[in-house]
Structures are given as structure tokens and as C-alpha cells.
Amino acid sequence: MRNLLPALLLFATALPVFAQGAPPQGSADQPYTMEYYYKTQWGHQQEFLELFLKYHYPLLQRIEKTGRMLSVKIETPANHMTEDARWDYRVTIVFKNSTVATTANPDEEALIKELWPDQDTYRAREQRRFEILLAHWDLPVSNITPK
């Protein structure tokens, strides 16, 4: 029993070493990648894409020009998936760093008003874009490719 207690304590303290988890992204001054997934109601994929391209993508492009974002990429899967795994669109954004990726953009509201002076229409179309979503999730990703 005497030898068992130290062995159990050693085992319990070693568990975190073997735990798996997502590796952290690079240092604070390194690019930070986020993937945004969108799953729409069946039959509304094209409507969502049209709304996204008209009422959100121009904002992303404008923010990219400010340097907060390094790149924006929009993708759709080439083949179908099971319903529980299905997503219709993935938007991958590489931010300048983790700080700008995880803090609100103080200029965003002004950019929205500049891009869409008719705010009533803008809000209605953005509301419609989210009405036809079944799910949306954000996923920070880390490049772990060895150098």
C-alpha cells in the first residue's frame, strides 16, 4: 500500500502531459487563422451565397484592405457529406495576429454604414441571411506542419 500511493500520485500528475488538445497558434505577432462554417436550410444554399457575397463579403474585403486580415477565402465542398457533418460554405480568414482576430473591430460599424447607406435594407438582408442558416461555427486552426 505504501508503494501504491506514490505511484498513483505520479500517475495523476503525469496525465496532463499525455492529454491531447489543439496546439496553440503562433506567437501574438504571427498570423492567426479562423475557419467559419455555414450550414443552410436545404434549397437555400444559393440564396445564402448571394446574400453573403452582396452583404458581407464586401465588408471582409474592405477590412482586408486595412491590414487587419491578410486573406479571405470562400469554399464549398465538391461532394456531399452525411447530414450531421454537412456544411455548405467555409470562409477561411487569416488575420494579422490573434489580437485582431479576437477583438472587435472599432471601425466595422462605420464601414458598414459607408458600404450600405440604406441601413434598413442592409439589416433586413443580413437578417434573412441568418434566418436561412441551420448552423454556423467558428474554428481557429493551427498549422502544425514541421519546418
N, C-alpha and C. Protein backbone atom coordinates (compact mmCIF):
# COMPACT_ATOMS: atom_id res chain seq x y z
N MET A 1 0.82 -1.19 0.00
CA MET A 1 0.00 0.00 0.00
C MET A 1 0.86 1.26 0.00
N ARG A 2 1.98 1.18 0.75
CA ARG A 2 2.88 2.33 0.82
C ARG A 2 3.42 2.72 -0.55
N ASN A 3 3.75 1.73 -1.37
CA ASN A 3 4.30 2.00 -2.70
C ASN A 3 3.20 2.39 -3.68
N LEU A 4 1.99 1.99 -3.42
CA LEU A 4 0.88 2.28 -4.31
C LEU A 4 0.51 3.77 -4.31
N LEU A 5 0.51 4.41 -3.17
CA LEU A 5 0.13 5.82 -3.08
C LEU A 5 1.06 6.72 -3.89
N PRO A 6 2.38 6.60 -3.77
CA PRO A 6 3.25 7.45 -4.61
C PRO A 6 3.07 7.16 -6.10
N ALA A 7 2.84 5.91 -6.45
CA ALA A 7 2.65 5.57 -7.85
C ALA A 7 1.38 6.21 -8.40
N LEU A 8 0.30 6.18 -7.60
CA LEU A 8 -0.95 6.82 -8.03
C LEU A 8 -0.79 8.32 -8.17
N LEU A 9 -0.08 8.94 -7.24
CA LEU A 9 0.15 10.39 -7.32
C LEU A 9 0.97 10.74 -8.56
N LEU A 10 1.99 9.96 -8.85
CA LEU A 10 2.80 10.19 -10.04
C LEU A 10 1.96 10.04 -11.30
N PHE A 11 1.12 9.01 -11.34
CA PHE A 11 0.24 8.78 -12.48
C PHE A 11 -0.72 9.95 -12.68
N ALA A 12 -1.32 10.42 -11.59
CA ALA A 12 -2.30 11.51 -11.68
C ALA A 12 -1.65 12.81 -12.15
N THR A 13 -0.43 13.08 -11.75
CA THR A 13 0.24 14.31 -12.18
C THR A 13 0.77 14.20 -13.59
N ALA A 14 0.99 13.00 -14.08
CA ALA A 14 1.50 12.81 -15.44
C ALA A 14 0.40 12.85 -16.49
N LEU A 15 -0.86 12.69 -16.08
CA LEU A 15 -1.96 12.67 -17.04
C LEU A 15 -2.02 13.90 -17.94
N PRO A 16 -1.87 15.11 -17.43
CA PRO A 16 -1.92 16.27 -18.32
C PRO A 16 -0.86 16.25 -19.41
N VAL A 17 0.27 15.62 -19.16
CA VAL A 17 1.33 15.54 -20.16
C VAL A 17 0.85 14.75 -21.37
N PHE A 18 0.03 13.73 -21.12
CA PHE A 18 -0.44 12.87 -22.20
C PHE A 18 -1.78 13.32 -22.79
N ALA A 19 -2.39 14.33 -22.21
CA ALA A 19 -3.68 14.79 -22.72
C ALA A 19 -3.49 15.42 -24.09
N GLN A 20 -4.46 15.20 -24.95
CA GLN A 20 -4.39 15.78 -26.28
C GLN A 20 -5.27 17.00 -26.35
N GLY A 21 -4.90 17.91 -27.18
CA GLY A 21 -5.68 19.10 -27.39
C GLY A 21 -5.12 19.83 -28.59
N ALA A 22 -5.81 20.87 -28.99
CA ALA A 22 -5.34 21.65 -30.13
C ALA A 22 -4.07 22.39 -29.74
N PRO A 23 -3.07 22.32 -30.57
CA PRO A 23 -1.86 23.08 -30.26
C PRO A 23 -2.16 24.57 -30.39
N PRO A 24 -1.49 25.38 -29.60
CA PRO A 24 -1.75 26.81 -29.68
C PRO A 24 -1.28 27.36 -31.01
N GLN A 25 -1.90 28.46 -31.45
CA GLN A 25 -1.42 29.12 -32.65
C GLN A 25 -0.11 29.81 -32.30
N GLY A 26 0.52 30.38 -33.30
CA GLY A 26 1.82 31.01 -33.12
C GLY A 26 1.79 32.16 -32.12
N SER A 27 2.90 32.84 -32.03
CA SER A 27 3.02 33.94 -31.09
C SER A 27 2.07 35.08 -31.46
N ALA A 28 1.95 36.03 -30.56
CA ALA A 28 0.97 37.12 -30.69
C ALA A 28 1.18 37.95 -31.95
N ASP A 29 2.38 38.00 -32.49
CA ASP A 29 2.62 38.81 -33.68
C ASP A 29 2.59 38.00 -34.97
N GLN A 30 2.11 36.77 -34.90
CA GLN A 30 2.03 35.89 -36.07
C GLN A 30 0.61 35.84 -36.62
N PRO A 31 0.46 35.51 -37.91
CA PRO A 31 -0.89 35.37 -38.48
C PRO A 31 -1.72 34.34 -37.71
N TYR A 32 -3.03 34.58 -37.68
CA TYR A 32 -3.98 33.77 -36.90
C TYR A 32 -5.11 33.36 -37.85
N THR A 33 -5.34 32.07 -38.00
CA THR A 33 -6.32 31.57 -38.98
C THR A 33 -7.59 31.11 -38.30
N MET A 34 -8.72 31.55 -38.86
CA MET A 34 -10.04 31.12 -38.40
C MET A 34 -10.82 30.60 -39.60
N GLU A 35 -11.54 29.51 -39.38
CA GLU A 35 -12.46 28.98 -40.39
C GLU A 35 -13.87 29.17 -39.86
N TYR A 36 -14.74 29.71 -40.72
CA TYR A 36 -16.13 29.95 -40.37
C TYR A 36 -16.99 29.05 -41.26
N TYR A 37 -17.77 28.19 -40.63
CA TYR A 37 -18.59 27.22 -41.36
C TYR A 37 -20.05 27.64 -41.32
N TYR A 38 -20.73 27.45 -42.46
CA TYR A 38 -22.14 27.81 -42.59
C TYR A 38 -22.90 26.61 -43.15
N LYS A 39 -23.96 26.22 -42.48
CA LYS A 39 -24.85 25.15 -42.94
C LYS A 39 -26.23 25.77 -43.12
N THR A 40 -26.74 25.72 -44.34
CA THR A 40 -28.01 26.37 -44.65
C THR A 40 -29.16 25.36 -44.74
N GLN A 41 -30.35 25.90 -44.71
CA GLN A 41 -31.53 25.05 -44.94
C GLN A 41 -31.46 24.52 -46.37
N TRP A 42 -31.92 23.27 -46.55
CA TRP A 42 -31.93 22.70 -47.89
C TRP A 42 -32.69 23.61 -48.84
N GLY A 43 -32.13 23.77 -50.02
CA GLY A 43 -32.77 24.58 -51.05
C GLY A 43 -32.45 26.06 -50.95
N HIS A 44 -31.72 26.47 -49.92
CA HIS A 44 -31.42 27.89 -49.74
C HIS A 44 -29.92 28.19 -49.84
N GLN A 45 -29.14 27.23 -50.33
CA GLN A 45 -27.70 27.43 -50.41
C GLN A 45 -27.36 28.62 -51.32
N GLN A 46 -27.98 28.68 -52.49
CA GLN A 46 -27.68 29.75 -53.44
C GLN A 46 -28.13 31.11 -52.90
N GLU A 47 -29.29 31.15 -52.27
CA GLU A 47 -29.77 32.40 -51.68
C GLU A 47 -28.79 32.89 -50.61
N PHE A 48 -28.34 31.99 -49.76
CA PHE A 48 -27.37 32.37 -48.73
C PHE A 48 -26.10 32.93 -49.37
N LEU A 49 -25.59 32.23 -50.38
CA LEU A 49 -24.36 32.67 -51.02
C LEU A 49 -24.53 34.06 -51.65
N GLU A 50 -25.65 34.28 -52.31
CA GLU A 50 -25.89 35.59 -52.93
C GLU A 50 -25.95 36.69 -51.87
N LEU A 51 -26.63 36.43 -50.76
CA LEU A 51 -26.69 37.41 -49.68
C LEU A 51 -25.31 37.63 -49.06
N PHE A 52 -24.58 36.56 -48.85
CA PHE A 52 -23.24 36.67 -48.29
C PHE A 52 -22.35 37.52 -49.18
N LEU A 53 -22.37 37.23 -50.48
CA LEU A 53 -21.50 37.94 -51.41
C LEU A 53 -21.88 39.41 -51.56
N LYS A 54 -23.15 39.72 -51.37
CA LYS A 54 -23.60 41.12 -51.52
C LYS A 54 -23.51 41.90 -50.21
N TYR A 55 -23.76 41.25 -49.07
CA TYR A 55 -23.88 41.99 -47.81
C TYR A 55 -22.84 41.65 -46.75
N HIS A 56 -21.92 40.76 -47.03
CA HIS A 56 -20.88 40.52 -46.04
C HIS A 56 -19.49 40.50 -46.65
N TYR A 57 -19.36 39.88 -47.80
CA TYR A 57 -18.05 39.78 -48.43
C TYR A 57 -17.42 41.14 -48.71
N PRO A 58 -18.17 42.14 -49.19
CA PRO A 58 -17.54 43.45 -49.39
C PRO A 58 -16.95 44.04 -48.10
N LEU A 59 -17.59 43.76 -46.97
CA LEU A 59 -17.06 44.21 -45.69
C LEU A 59 -15.75 43.50 -45.39
N LEU A 60 -15.70 42.20 -45.62
CA LEU A 60 -14.46 41.45 -45.39
C LEU A 60 -13.34 41.97 -46.29
N GLN A 61 -13.67 42.27 -47.54
CA GLN A 61 -12.67 42.80 -48.47
C GLN A 61 -12.15 44.16 -47.99
N ARG A 62 -13.05 44.99 -47.51
CA ARG A 62 -12.66 46.32 -47.03
C ARG A 62 -11.76 46.19 -45.80
N ILE A 63 -12.12 45.28 -44.89
CA ILE A 63 -11.29 45.07 -43.70
C ILE A 63 -9.92 44.50 -44.10
N GLU A 64 -9.91 43.64 -45.11
CA GLU A 64 -8.63 43.10 -45.58
C GLU A 64 -7.73 44.23 -46.07
N LYS A 65 -8.30 45.22 -46.73
CA LYS A 65 -7.50 46.36 -47.22
C LYS A 65 -6.89 47.18 -46.09
N THR A 66 -7.50 47.13 -44.89
CA THR A 66 -6.95 47.87 -43.76
C THR A 66 -5.75 47.17 -43.14
N GLY A 67 -5.56 45.89 -43.46
CA GLY A 67 -4.44 45.14 -42.92
C GLY A 67 -4.78 44.27 -41.72
N ARG A 68 -6.01 44.38 -41.21
CA ARG A 68 -6.41 43.51 -40.09
C ARG A 68 -6.46 42.06 -40.54
N MET A 69 -6.85 41.84 -41.78
CA MET A 69 -6.91 40.49 -42.36
C MET A 69 -5.87 40.41 -43.47
N LEU A 70 -5.22 39.26 -43.56
CA LEU A 70 -4.23 39.05 -44.61
C LEU A 70 -4.85 38.38 -45.84
N SER A 71 -5.89 37.56 -45.61
CA SER A 71 -6.56 36.91 -46.74
C SER A 71 -7.95 36.42 -46.32
N VAL A 72 -8.81 36.31 -47.33
CA VAL A 72 -10.17 35.78 -47.15
C VAL A 72 -10.42 34.80 -48.30
N LYS A 73 -10.85 33.59 -47.95
CA LYS A 73 -11.12 32.56 -48.96
C LYS A 73 -12.48 31.94 -48.68
N ILE A 74 -13.30 31.77 -49.72
CA ILE A 74 -14.62 31.15 -49.60
C ILE A 74 -14.60 29.84 -50.36
N GLU A 75 -15.05 28.76 -49.69
CA GLU A 75 -15.05 27.44 -50.32
C GLU A 75 -16.36 26.72 -50.07
N THR A 76 -16.64 25.77 -50.95
CA THR A 76 -17.79 24.88 -50.78
C THR A 76 -17.30 23.47 -51.08
N PRO A 77 -17.85 22.46 -50.42
CA PRO A 77 -17.37 21.09 -50.67
C PRO A 77 -17.77 20.62 -52.07
N ALA A 78 -16.92 19.80 -52.66
CA ALA A 78 -17.18 19.27 -54.01
C ALA A 78 -18.15 18.10 -53.98
N ASN A 79 -18.21 17.38 -52.86
CA ASN A 79 -19.08 16.22 -52.73
C ASN A 79 -19.97 16.38 -51.50
N HIS A 80 -20.96 15.51 -51.41
CA HIS A 80 -21.88 15.59 -50.27
C HIS A 80 -21.31 14.87 -49.06
N MET A 81 -21.87 15.19 -47.91
CA MET A 81 -21.47 14.59 -46.64
C MET A 81 -22.72 14.06 -45.96
N THR A 82 -22.53 13.38 -44.84
CA THR A 82 -23.69 12.98 -44.05
C THR A 82 -24.31 14.26 -43.49
N GLU A 83 -25.60 14.21 -43.18
CA GLU A 83 -26.30 15.42 -42.72
C GLU A 83 -25.68 16.00 -41.45
N ASP A 84 -25.27 15.17 -40.53
CA ASP A 84 -24.70 15.69 -39.29
C ASP A 84 -23.34 16.37 -39.51
N ALA A 85 -22.63 15.97 -40.55
CA ALA A 85 -21.32 16.56 -40.83
C ALA A 85 -21.39 17.64 -41.92
N ARG A 86 -22.55 17.82 -42.52
CA ARG A 86 -22.67 18.71 -43.68
C ARG A 86 -22.42 20.16 -43.33
N TRP A 87 -21.68 20.82 -44.21
CA TRP A 87 -21.57 22.27 -44.21
C TRP A 87 -21.60 22.70 -45.66
N ASP A 88 -22.12 23.89 -45.91
CA ASP A 88 -22.27 24.36 -47.29
C ASP A 88 -21.18 25.31 -47.73
N TYR A 89 -20.71 26.14 -46.80
CA TYR A 89 -19.67 27.12 -47.13
C TYR A 89 -18.69 27.23 -45.98
N ARG A 90 -17.43 27.40 -46.35
CA ARG A 90 -16.38 27.65 -45.36
C ARG A 90 -15.66 28.92 -45.80
N VAL A 91 -15.55 29.84 -44.87
CA VAL A 91 -14.81 31.08 -45.12
C VAL A 91 -13.57 31.03 -44.22
N THR A 92 -12.41 31.04 -44.84
CA THR A 92 -11.16 31.00 -44.10
C THR A 92 -10.55 32.39 -44.13
N ILE A 93 -10.32 32.92 -42.94
CA ILE A 93 -9.73 34.25 -42.82
C ILE A 93 -8.41 34.12 -42.07
N VAL A 94 -7.38 34.68 -42.66
CA VAL A 94 -6.10 34.75 -41.97
C VAL A 94 -5.97 36.19 -41.48
N PHE A 95 -5.97 36.32 -40.15
CA PHE A 95 -5.87 37.64 -39.53
C PHE A 95 -4.40 38.00 -39.34
N LYS A 96 -4.15 39.28 -39.19
CA LYS A 96 -2.80 39.79 -38.96
C LYS A 96 -2.17 39.14 -37.73
N ASN A 97 -2.97 38.98 -36.67
CA ASN A 97 -2.49 38.35 -35.45
C ASN A 97 -3.69 37.94 -34.60
N SER A 98 -3.44 37.29 -33.49
CA SER A 98 -4.52 36.79 -32.65
C SER A 98 -5.30 37.91 -31.97
N THR A 99 -4.67 39.03 -31.72
CA THR A 99 -5.37 40.14 -31.08
C THR A 99 -6.47 40.68 -31.97
N VAL A 100 -6.16 40.96 -33.24
CA VAL A 100 -7.21 41.50 -34.12
C VAL A 100 -8.26 40.45 -34.45
N ALA A 101 -7.88 39.17 -34.38
CA ALA A 101 -8.84 38.10 -34.64
C ALA A 101 -9.85 37.94 -33.52
N THR A 102 -9.46 38.30 -32.31
CA THR A 102 -10.31 38.02 -31.15
C THR A 102 -10.85 39.28 -30.48
N THR A 103 -10.67 40.42 -31.10
CA THR A 103 -11.23 41.66 -30.56
C THR A 103 -12.11 42.31 -31.61
N ALA A 104 -13.08 43.07 -31.15
CA ALA A 104 -13.99 43.75 -32.06
C ALA A 104 -13.24 44.80 -32.88
N ASN A 105 -13.65 44.94 -34.12
CA ASN A 105 -13.07 45.95 -34.99
C ASN A 105 -13.77 47.28 -34.71
N PRO A 106 -13.07 48.27 -34.19
CA PRO A 106 -13.72 49.54 -33.85
C PRO A 106 -14.23 50.30 -35.08
N ASP A 107 -13.74 49.96 -36.26
CA ASP A 107 -14.15 50.65 -37.49
C ASP A 107 -15.28 49.95 -38.23
N GLU A 108 -15.69 48.77 -37.77
CA GLU A 108 -16.64 47.97 -38.54
C GLU A 108 -17.97 48.67 -38.77
N GLU A 109 -18.53 49.28 -37.74
CA GLU A 109 -19.83 49.93 -37.89
C GLU A 109 -19.77 51.06 -38.92
N ALA A 110 -18.70 51.84 -38.89
CA ALA A 110 -18.55 52.93 -39.87
C ALA A 110 -18.40 52.37 -41.28
N LEU A 111 -17.66 51.27 -41.42
CA LEU A 111 -17.50 50.65 -42.74
C LEU A 111 -18.84 50.15 -43.27
N ILE A 112 -19.63 49.55 -42.41
CA ILE A 112 -20.95 49.05 -42.81
C ILE A 112 -21.83 50.20 -43.30
N LYS A 113 -21.84 51.30 -42.58
CA LYS A 113 -22.64 52.46 -42.99
C LYS A 113 -22.14 53.07 -44.29
N GLU A 114 -20.84 53.03 -44.49
CA GLU A 114 -20.27 53.55 -45.74
C GLU A 114 -20.62 52.66 -46.92
N LEU A 115 -20.52 51.35 -46.72
CA LEU A 115 -20.80 50.41 -47.81
C LEU A 115 -22.28 50.31 -48.15
N TRP A 116 -23.14 50.40 -47.13
CA TRP A 116 -24.57 50.26 -47.33
C TRP A 116 -25.30 51.42 -46.66
N PRO A 117 -25.41 52.54 -47.34
CA PRO A 117 -26.09 53.71 -46.75
C PRO A 117 -27.53 53.42 -46.36
N ASP A 118 -28.20 52.55 -47.12
CA ASP A 118 -29.58 52.16 -46.78
C ASP A 118 -29.51 51.08 -45.71
N GLN A 119 -29.42 51.50 -44.46
CA GLN A 119 -29.23 50.58 -43.35
C GLN A 119 -30.44 49.68 -43.11
N ASP A 120 -31.63 50.14 -43.43
CA ASP A 120 -32.81 49.29 -43.25
C ASP A 120 -32.74 48.06 -44.16
N THR A 121 -32.37 48.28 -45.42
CA THR A 121 -32.24 47.17 -46.36
C THR A 121 -31.09 46.27 -45.93
N TYR A 122 -29.99 46.87 -45.55
CA TYR A 122 -28.84 46.08 -45.11
C TYR A 122 -29.22 45.16 -43.95
N ARG A 123 -29.85 45.71 -42.93
CA ARG A 123 -30.23 44.90 -41.76
C ARG A 123 -31.23 43.81 -42.13
N ALA A 124 -32.17 44.12 -43.01
CA ALA A 124 -33.17 43.13 -43.42
C ALA A 124 -32.52 41.98 -44.19
N ARG A 125 -31.58 42.30 -45.07
CA ARG A 125 -30.92 41.26 -45.87
C ARG A 125 -29.98 40.42 -44.99
N GLU A 126 -29.30 41.05 -44.05
CA GLU A 126 -28.46 40.29 -43.13
C GLU A 126 -29.32 39.40 -42.23
N GLN A 127 -30.46 39.91 -41.82
CA GLN A 127 -31.36 39.08 -41.01
C GLN A 127 -31.82 37.87 -41.81
N ARG A 128 -32.15 38.08 -43.08
CA ARG A 128 -32.56 36.97 -43.93
C ARG A 128 -31.43 35.95 -44.08
N ARG A 129 -30.21 36.42 -44.23
CA ARG A 129 -29.06 35.51 -44.37
C ARG A 129 -28.96 34.60 -43.15
N PHE A 130 -29.20 35.14 -41.97
CA PHE A 130 -29.11 34.32 -40.76
C PHE A 130 -30.37 33.48 -40.54
N GLU A 131 -31.50 33.91 -41.06
CA GLU A 131 -32.74 33.11 -40.95
C GLU A 131 -32.61 31.78 -41.66
N ILE A 132 -31.90 31.74 -42.77
CA ILE A 132 -31.81 30.51 -43.55
C ILE A 132 -30.63 29.62 -43.12
N LEU A 133 -29.93 30.04 -42.09
CA LEU A 133 -28.85 29.21 -41.55
C LEU A 133 -29.41 28.17 -40.59
N LEU A 134 -28.91 26.96 -40.70
CA LEU A 134 -29.21 25.92 -39.71
C LEU A 134 -28.14 25.91 -38.63
N ALA A 135 -26.91 26.20 -39.04
CA ALA A 135 -25.80 26.19 -38.09
C ALA A 135 -24.67 27.06 -38.61
N HIS A 136 -23.90 27.58 -37.68
CA HIS A 136 -22.73 28.38 -38.00
C HIS A 136 -21.73 28.17 -36.87
N TRP A 137 -20.50 27.86 -37.21
CA TRP A 137 -19.50 27.70 -36.17
C TRP A 137 -18.16 28.25 -36.64
N ASP A 138 -17.36 28.68 -35.67
CA ASP A 138 -16.06 29.28 -35.93
C ASP A 138 -14.99 28.35 -35.35
N LEU A 139 -13.93 28.16 -36.10
CA LEU A 139 -12.92 27.21 -35.69
C LEU A 139 -11.52 27.81 -35.91
N PRO A 140 -10.81 28.15 -34.83
CA PRO A 140 -9.43 28.56 -35.01
C PRO A 140 -8.60 27.35 -35.40
N VAL A 141 -7.71 27.50 -36.37
CA VAL A 141 -6.89 26.38 -36.81
C VAL A 141 -5.42 26.73 -36.69
N SER A 142 -4.63 25.71 -36.41
CA SER A 142 -3.18 25.88 -36.24
C SER A 142 -2.44 25.06 -37.29
N ASN A 143 -1.48 25.67 -37.91
CA ASN A 143 -0.62 24.97 -38.85
C ASN A 143 0.45 24.26 -38.03
N ILE A 144 0.45 22.94 -38.09
CA ILE A 144 1.45 22.17 -37.33
C ILE A 144 2.41 21.43 -38.25
N THR A 145 2.48 21.87 -39.51
CA THR A 145 3.40 21.26 -40.48
C THR A 145 4.83 21.49 -40.00
N PRO A 146 5.61 20.43 -39.89
CA PRO A 146 7.00 20.62 -39.47
C PRO A 146 7.78 21.46 -40.50
N LYS A 147 8.72 22.25 -40.00
CA LYS A 147 9.54 23.09 -40.90
C LYS A 147 10.60 22.24 -41.57
